[in-house]
Amino acid sequence: MRNLTEDRTAENLVDAAGERAKSCVDAGVDALNAVSGKARKIGDSADGYVRDNPWLVIGAVAGIAALVGFLFRGRR
């Protein structure tokens, strides 16, 4: 049989673990929101650049695609 002191200690440990888990989840949500906001700003900036310079971006993508094709072409 367990005594009352052991039960209270166990309950205290469970409560402390629950509070710790909640604070970790809250910290994770805050970090996710911060990263999400930064990613949105970067995406909006990139979108504006592409809209302002479409041909430059098309040329850069074509050059990168040619380089990747050259690197992975293999020898015959």
PDB file of N, CA and C in Angstrom:
ATOM      1  N   MET A   1       0.830  -1.190   0.000  1.00  0.00           N
ATOM      2  CA  MET A   1       0.000   0.000   0.000  1.00  0.00           C
ATOM      3  C   MET A   1       0.874   1.253   0.000  1.00  0.00           C
ATOM      4  N   ARG A   2       0.439   2.196  -0.745  1.00  0.00           N
ATOM      5  CA  ARG A   2       1.161   3.453  -0.796  1.00  0.00           C
ATOM      6  C   ARG A   2       0.575   4.396   0.244  1.00  0.00           C
ATOM      7  N   ASN A   3       1.428   5.210   0.775  1.00  0.00           N
ATOM      8  CA  ASN A   3       0.906   6.158   1.757  1.00  0.00           C
ATOM      9  C   ASN A   3       0.547   7.480   1.094  1.00  0.00           C
ATOM     10  N   LEU A   4      -0.044   8.360   1.869  1.00  0.00           N
ATOM     11  CA  LEU A   4      -0.551   9.630   1.357  1.00  0.00           C
ATOM     12  C   LEU A   4       0.578  10.533   0.858  1.00  0.00           C
ATOM     13  N   THR A   5       1.734  10.483   1.511  1.00  0.00           N
ATOM     14  CA  THR A   5       2.865  11.315   1.116  1.00  0.00           C
ATOM     15  C   THR A   5       3.372  10.931  -0.266  1.00  0.00           C
ATOM     16  N   GLU A   6       3.445   9.630  -0.544  1.00  0.00           N
ATOM     17  CA  GLU A   6       3.886   9.180  -1.865  1.00  0.00           C
ATOM     18  C   GLU A   6       2.911   9.617  -2.950  1.00  0.00           C
ATOM     19  N   ASP A   7       1.623   9.566  -2.662  1.00  0.00           N
ATOM     20  CA  ASP A   7       0.613   9.989  -3.634  1.00  0.00           C
ATOM     21  C   ASP A   7       0.739  11.483  -3.942  1.00  0.00           C
ATOM     22  N   ARG A   8       0.951  12.293  -2.893  1.00  0.00           N
ATOM     23  CA  ARG A   8       1.085  13.737  -3.108  1.00  0.00           C
ATOM     24  C   ARG A   8       2.360  14.055  -3.883  1.00  0.00           C
ATOM     25  N   THR A   9       3.442  13.338  -3.590  1.00  0.00           N
ATOM     26  CA  THR A   9       4.692  13.557  -4.309  1.00  0.00           C
ATOM     27  C   THR A   9       4.513  13.212  -5.791  1.00  0.00           C
ATOM     28  N   ALA A  10       3.845  12.112  -6.047  1.00  0.00           N
ATOM     29  CA  ALA A  10       3.602  11.715  -7.432  1.00  0.00           C
ATOM     30  C   ALA A  10       2.734  12.754  -8.138  1.00  0.00           C
ATOM     31  N   GLU A  11       1.709  13.242  -7.457  1.00  0.00           N
ATOM     32  CA  GLU A  11       0.846  14.261  -8.062  1.00  0.00           C
ATOM     33  C   GLU A  11       1.632  15.541  -8.338  1.00  0.00           C
ATOM     34  N   ASN A  12       2.514  15.912  -7.426  1.00  0.00           N
ATOM     35  CA  ASN A  12       3.341  17.100  -7.630  1.00  0.00           C
ATOM     36  C   ASN A  12       4.266  16.929  -8.837  1.00  0.00           C
ATOM     37  N   LEU A  13       4.836  15.740  -8.978  1.00  0.00           N
ATOM     38  CA  LEU A  13       5.706  15.477 -10.124  1.00  0.00           C
ATOM     39  C   LEU A  13       4.925  15.534 -11.435  1.00  0.00           C
ATOM     40  N   VAL A  14       3.728  14.981 -11.431  1.00  0.00           N
ATOM     41  CA  VAL A  14       2.898  15.004 -12.637  1.00  0.00           C
ATOM     42  C   VAL A  14       2.510  16.438 -12.973  1.00  0.00           C
ATOM     43  N   ASP A  15       2.140  17.208 -11.967  1.00  0.00           N
ATOM     44  CA  ASP A  15       1.788  18.611 -12.199  1.00  0.00           C
ATOM     45  C   ASP A  15       2.977  19.405 -12.742  1.00  0.00           C
ATOM     46  N   ALA A  16       4.153  19.180 -12.160  1.00  0.00           N
ATOM     47  CA  ALA A  16       5.353  19.884 -12.614  1.00  0.00           C
ATOM     48  C   ALA A  16       5.691  19.502 -14.054  1.00  0.00           C
ATOM     49  N   ALA A  17       5.550  18.225 -14.383  1.00  0.00           N
ATOM     50  CA  ALA A  17       5.832  17.782 -15.753  1.00  0.00           C
ATOM     51  C   ALA A  17       4.828  18.381 -16.735  1.00  0.00           C
ATOM     52  N   GLY A  18       3.576  18.467 -16.323  1.00  0.00           N
ATOM     53  CA  GLY A  18       2.562  19.076 -17.182  1.00  0.00           C
ATOM     54  C   GLY A  18       2.836  20.548 -17.431  1.00  0.00           C
ATOM     55  N   GLU A  19       3.239  21.259 -16.385  1.00  0.00           N
ATOM     56  CA  GLU A  19       3.554  22.676 -16.546  1.00  0.00           C
ATOM     57  C   GLU A  19       4.771  22.868 -17.450  1.00  0.00           C
ATOM     58  N   ARG A  20       5.766  21.992 -17.272  1.00  0.00           N
ATOM     59  CA  ARG A  20       6.981  22.069 -18.104  1.00  0.00           C
ATOM     60  C   ARG A  20       6.634  21.785 -19.568  1.00  0.00           C
ATOM     61  N   ALA A  21       5.791  20.787 -19.799  1.00  0.00           N
ATOM     62  CA  ALA A  21       5.402  20.460 -21.171  1.00  0.00           C
ATOM     63  C   ALA A  21       4.635  21.619 -21.802  1.00  0.00           C
ATOM     64  N   LYS A  22       3.737  22.257 -21.034  1.00  0.00           N
ATOM     65  CA  LYS A  22       2.974  23.382 -21.554  1.00  0.00           C
ATOM     66  C   LYS A  22       3.894  24.543 -21.902  1.00  0.00           C
ATOM     67  N   SER A  23       4.893  24.811 -21.057  1.00  0.00           N
ATOM     68  CA  SER A  23       5.805  25.913 -21.362  1.00  0.00           C
ATOM     69  C   SER A  23       6.651  25.600 -22.591  1.00  0.00           C
ATOM     70  N   CYS A  24       7.017  24.336 -22.778  1.00  0.00           N
ATOM     71  CA  CYS A  24       7.778  23.949 -23.978  1.00  0.00           C
ATOM     72  C   CYS A  24       6.930  24.106 -25.240  1.00  0.00           C
ATOM     73  N   VAL A  25       5.679  23.717 -25.161  1.00  0.00           N
ATOM     74  CA  VAL A  25       4.781  23.859 -26.309  1.00  0.00           C
ATOM     75  C   VAL A  25       4.580  25.337 -26.630  1.00  0.00           C
ATOM     76  N   ASP A  26       4.386  26.149 -25.598  1.00  0.00           N
ATOM     77  CA  ASP A  26       4.215  27.587 -25.820  1.00  0.00           C
ATOM     78  C   ASP A  26       5.456  28.197 -26.468  1.00  0.00           C
ATOM     79  N   ALA A  27       6.638  27.792 -26.018  1.00  0.00           N
ATOM     80  CA  ALA A  27       7.884  28.292 -26.611  1.00  0.00           C
ATOM     81  C   ALA A  27       7.992  27.858 -28.066  1.00  0.00           C
ATOM     82  N   GLY A  28       7.601  26.629 -28.361  1.00  0.00           N
ATOM     83  CA  GLY A  28       7.629  26.141 -29.742  1.00  0.00           C
ATOM     84  C   GLY A  28       6.678  26.903 -30.648  1.00  0.00           C
ATOM     85  N   VAL A  29       5.492  27.203 -30.131  1.00  0.00           N
ATOM     86  CA  VAL A  29       4.518  27.973 -30.916  1.00  0.00           C
ATOM     87  C   VAL A  29       5.040  29.382 -31.179  1.00  0.00           C
ATOM     88  N   ASP A  30       5.642  29.993 -30.168  1.00  0.00           N
ATOM     89  CA  ASP A  30       6.213  31.335 -30.350  1.00  0.00           C
ATOM     90  C   ASP A  30       7.324  31.324 -31.401  1.00  0.00           C
ATOM     91  N   ALA A  31       8.195  30.314 -31.342  1.00  0.00           N
ATOM     92  CA  ALA A  31       9.282  30.210 -32.317  1.00  0.00           C
ATOM     93  C   ALA A  31       8.728  29.989 -33.724  1.00  0.00           C
ATOM     94  N   LEU A  32       7.715  29.154 -33.839  1.00  0.00           N
ATOM     95  CA  LEU A  32       7.101  28.900 -35.145  1.00  0.00           C
ATOM     96  C   LEU A  32       6.491  30.172 -35.717  1.00  0.00           C
ATOM     97  N   ASN A  33       5.817  30.935 -34.880  1.00  0.00           N
ATOM     98  CA  ASN A  33       5.223  32.191 -35.350  1.00  0.00           C
ATOM     99  C   ASN A  33       6.291  33.175 -35.804  1.00  0.00           C
ATOM    100  N   ALA A  34       7.413  33.241 -35.084  1.00  0.00           N
ATOM    101  CA  ALA A  34       8.492  34.146 -35.469  1.00  0.00           C
ATOM    102  C   ALA A  34       9.096  33.735 -36.808  1.00  0.00           C
ATOM    103  N   VAL A  35       9.363  32.455 -36.975  1.00  0.00           N
ATOM    104  CA  VAL A  35       9.945  31.965 -38.228  1.00  0.00           C
ATOM    105  C   VAL A  35       8.962  32.128 -39.378  1.00  0.00           C
ATOM    106  N   SER A  36       7.705  31.886 -39.112  1.00  0.00           N
ATOM    107  CA  SER A  36       6.686  32.028 -40.146  1.00  0.00           C
ATOM    108  C   SER A  36       6.597  33.476 -40.631  1.00  0.00           C
ATOM    109  N   GLY A  37       6.670  34.413 -39.707  1.00  0.00           N
ATOM    110  CA  GLY A  37       6.636  35.819 -40.092  1.00  0.00           C
ATOM    111  C   GLY A  37       7.834  36.211 -40.939  1.00  0.00           C
ATOM    112  N   LYS A  38       9.017  35.721 -40.559  1.00  0.00           N
ATOM    113  CA  LYS A  38      10.225  36.020 -41.340  1.00  0.00           C
ATOM    114  C   LYS A  38      10.135  35.397 -42.728  1.00  0.00           C
ATOM    115  N   ALA A  39       9.652  34.164 -42.795  1.00  0.00           N
ATOM    116  CA  ALA A  39       9.528  33.487 -44.092  1.00  0.00           C
ATOM    117  C   ALA A  39       8.546  34.229 -44.997  1.00  0.00           C
ATOM    118  N   ARG A  40       7.472  34.723 -44.420  1.00  0.00           N
ATOM    119  CA  ARG A  40       6.496  35.472 -45.216  1.00  0.00           C
ATOM    120  C   ARG A  40       7.125  36.754 -45.776  1.00  0.00           C
ATOM    121  N   LYS A  41       7.917  37.452 -44.962  1.00  0.00           N
ATOM    122  CA  LYS A  41       8.580  38.674 -45.432  1.00  0.00           C
ATOM    123  C   LYS A  41       9.563  38.373 -46.560  1.00  0.00           C
ATOM    124  N   ILE A  42      10.324  37.287 -46.416  1.00  0.00           N
ATOM    125  CA  ILE A  42      11.283  36.899 -47.452  1.00  0.00           C
ATOM    126  C   ILE A  42      10.548  36.519 -48.734  1.00  0.00           C
ATOM    127  N   GLY A  43       9.455  35.773 -48.583  1.00  0.00           N
ATOM    128  CA  GLY A  43       8.667  35.386 -49.754  1.00  0.00           C
ATOM    129  C   GLY A  43       8.075  36.580 -50.466  1.00  0.00           C
ATOM    130  N   ASP A  44       7.581  37.537 -49.709  1.00  0.00           N
ATOM    131  CA  ASP A  44       7.027  38.745 -50.326  1.00  0.00           C
ATOM    132  C   ASP A  44       8.110  39.544 -51.050  1.00  0.00           C
ATOM    133  N   SER A  45       9.299  39.584 -50.461  1.00  0.00           N
ATOM    134  CA  SER A  45      10.414  40.288 -51.087  1.00  0.00           C
ATOM    135  C   SER A  45      10.813  39.604 -52.397  1.00  0.00           C
ATOM    136  N   ALA A  46      10.909  38.280 -52.364  1.00  0.00           N
ATOM    137  CA  ALA A  46      11.273  37.528 -53.578  1.00  0.00           C
ATOM    138  C   ALA A  46      10.196  37.700 -54.647  1.00  0.00           C
ATOM    139  N   ASP A  47       8.940  37.687 -54.245  1.00  0.00           N
ATOM    140  CA  ASP A  47       7.849  37.864 -55.201  1.00  0.00           C
ATOM    141  C   ASP A  47       7.946  39.230 -55.876  1.00  0.00           C
ATOM    142  N   GLY A  48       8.244  40.243 -55.097  1.00  0.00           N
ATOM    143  CA  GLY A  48       8.386  41.585 -55.668  1.00  0.00           C
ATOM    144  C   GLY A  48       9.545  41.668 -56.643  1.00  0.00           C
ATOM    145  N   TYR A  49      10.660  41.013 -56.299  1.00  0.00           N
ATOM    146  CA  TYR A  49      11.832  41.035 -57.182  1.00  0.00           C
ATOM    147  C   TYR A  49      11.515  40.339 -58.504  1.00  0.00           C
ATOM    148  N   VAL A  50      10.854  39.179 -58.425  1.00  0.00           N
ATOM    149  CA  VAL A  50      10.529  38.432 -59.642  1.00  0.00           C
ATOM    150  C   VAL A  50       9.557  39.222 -60.507  1.00  0.00           C
ATOM    151  N   ARG A  51       8.614  39.892 -59.883  1.00  0.00           N
ATOM    152  CA  ARG A  51       7.656  40.684 -60.668  1.00  0.00           C
ATOM    153  C   ARG A  51       8.326  41.898 -61.322  1.00  0.00           C
ATOM    154  N   ASP A  52       9.337  42.450 -60.651  1.00  0.00           N
ATOM    155  CA  ASP A  52      10.045  43.600 -61.212  1.00  0.00           C
ATOM    156  C   ASP A  52      11.065  43.198 -62.280  1.00  0.00           C
ATOM    157  N   ASN A  53      11.619  42.000 -62.203  1.00  0.00           N
ATOM    158  CA  ASN A  53      12.692  41.552 -63.108  1.00  0.00           C
ATOM    159  C   ASN A  53      12.422  40.142 -63.642  1.00  0.00           C
ATOM    160  N   PRO A  54      11.340  39.942 -64.377  1.00  0.00           N
ATOM    161  CA  PRO A  54      11.005  38.571 -64.788  1.00  0.00           C
ATOM    162  C   PRO A  54      12.035  37.942 -65.726  1.00  0.00           C
ATOM    163  N   TRP A  55      12.560  38.707 -66.678  1.00  0.00           N
ATOM    164  CA  TRP A  55      13.494  38.121 -67.643  1.00  0.00           C
ATOM    165  C   TRP A  55      14.831  37.800 -67.012  1.00  0.00           C
ATOM    166  N   LEU A  56      15.245  38.580 -66.071  1.00  0.00           N
ATOM    167  CA  LEU A  56      16.477  38.293 -65.356  1.00  0.00           C
ATOM    168  C   LEU A  56      16.348  36.988 -64.581  1.00  0.00           C
ATOM    169  N   VAL A  57      15.216  36.792 -63.949  1.00  0.00           N
ATOM    170  CA  VAL A  57      14.986  35.558 -63.178  1.00  0.00           C
ATOM    171  C   VAL A  57      14.892  34.363 -64.125  1.00  0.00           C
ATOM    172  N   ILE A  58      14.219  34.517 -65.247  1.00  0.00           N
ATOM    173  CA  ILE A  58      14.116  33.413 -66.209  1.00  0.00           C
ATOM    174  C   ILE A  58      15.508  33.031 -66.712  1.00  0.00           C
ATOM    175  N   GLY A  59      16.340  34.011 -67.003  1.00  0.00           N
ATOM    176  CA  GLY A  59      17.707  33.735 -67.452  1.00  0.00           C
ATOM    177  C   GLY A  59      18.533  33.038 -66.376  1.00  0.00           C
ATOM    178  N   ALA A  60      18.388  33.479 -65.146  1.00  0.00           N
ATOM    179  CA  ALA A  60      19.137  32.846 -64.057  1.00  0.00           C
ATOM    180  C   ALA A  60      18.704  31.396 -63.864  1.00  0.00           C
ATOM    181  N   VAL A  61      17.410  31.144 -63.921  1.00  0.00           N
ATOM    182  CA  VAL A  61      16.910  29.770 -63.769  1.00  0.00           C
ATOM    183  C   VAL A  61      17.376  28.909 -64.933  1.00  0.00           C
ATOM    184  N   ALA A  62      17.367  29.441 -66.133  1.00  0.00           N
ATOM    185  CA  ALA A  62      17.839  28.676 -67.292  1.00  0.00           C
ATOM    186  C   ALA A  62      19.323  28.350 -67.150  1.00  0.00           C
ATOM    187  N   GLY A  63      20.109  29.307 -66.676  1.00  0.00           N
ATOM    188  CA  GLY A  63      21.544  29.060 -66.475  1.00  0.00           C
ATOM    189  C   GLY A  63      21.791  27.997 -65.416  1.00  0.00           C
ATOM    190  N   ILE A  64      21.053  28.058 -64.326  1.00  0.00           N
ATOM    191  CA  ILE A  64      21.204  27.045 -63.266  1.00  0.00           C
ATOM    192  C   ILE A  64      20.781  25.685 -63.780  1.00  0.00           C
ATOM    193  N   ALA A  65      19.686  25.627 -64.557  1.00  0.00           N
ATOM    194  CA  ALA A  65      19.234  24.351 -65.116  1.00  0.00           C
ATOM    195  C   ALA A  65      20.280  23.773 -66.076  1.00  0.00           C
ATOM    196  N   ALA A  66      20.900  24.604 -66.885  1.00  0.00           N
ATOM    197  CA  ALA A  66      21.944  24.132 -67.800  1.00  0.00           C
ATOM    198  C   ALA A  66      23.148  23.608 -67.026  1.00  0.00           C
ATOM    199  N   LEU A  67      23.520  24.304 -65.965  1.00  0.00           N
ATOM    200  CA  LEU A  67      24.638  23.859 -65.142  1.00  0.00           C
ATOM    201  C   LEU A  67      24.341  22.516 -64.479  1.00  0.00           C
ATOM    202  N   VAL A  68      23.162  22.361 -63.932  1.00  0.00           N
ATOM    203  CA  VAL A  68      22.781  21.091 -63.292  1.00  0.00           C
ATOM    204  C   VAL A  68      22.733  19.980 -64.327  1.00  0.00           C
ATOM    205  N   GLY A  69      22.201  20.270 -65.506  1.00  0.00           N
ATOM    206  CA  GLY A  69      22.174  19.270 -66.575  1.00  0.00           C
ATOM    207  C   GLY A  69      23.572  18.861 -66.995  1.00  0.00           C
ATOM    208  N   PHE A  70      24.465  19.812 -67.076  1.00  0.00           N
ATOM    209  CA  PHE A  70      25.851  19.516 -67.431  1.00  0.00           C
ATOM    210  C   PHE A  70      26.513  18.645 -66.362  1.00  0.00           C
ATOM    211  N   LEU A  71      26.262  18.938 -65.105  1.00  0.00           N
ATOM    212  CA  LEU A  71      26.888  18.176 -64.020  1.00  0.00           C
ATOM    213  C   LEU A  71      26.363  16.744 -63.920  1.00  0.00           C
ATOM    214  N   PHE A  72      25.108  16.532 -64.272  1.00  0.00           N
ATOM    215  CA  PHE A  72      24.510  15.210 -64.138  1.00  0.00           C
ATOM    216  C   PHE A  72      24.369  14.447 -65.460  1.00  0.00           C
ATOM    217  N   ARG A  73      24.981  14.923 -66.508  1.00  0.00           N
ATOM    218  CA  ARG A  73      24.792  14.302 -67.810  1.00  0.00           C
ATOM    219  C   ARG A  73      25.481  12.936 -67.923  1.00  0.00           C
ATOM    220  N   GLY A  74      26.555  12.725 -67.249  1.00  0.00           N
ATOM    221  CA  GLY A  74      27.270  11.447 -67.345  1.00  0.00           C
ATOM    222  C   GLY A  74      28.090  11.368 -68.616  1.00  0.00           C
ATOM    223  N   ARG A  75      29.077  10.502 -68.607  1.00  0.00           N
ATOM    224  CA  ARG A  75      29.934  10.349 -69.788  1.00  0.00           C
ATOM    225  C   ARG A  75      29.438   9.211 -70.658  1.00  0.00           C
ATOM    226  N   ARG A  76      29.617   9.373 -71.961  1.00  0.00           N
ATOM    227  CA  ARG A  76      29.173   8.327 -72.893  1.00  0.00           C
ATOM    228  C   ARG A  76      30.314   7.840 -73.710  1.00  0.00           C
TER     229      ARG A  76
END
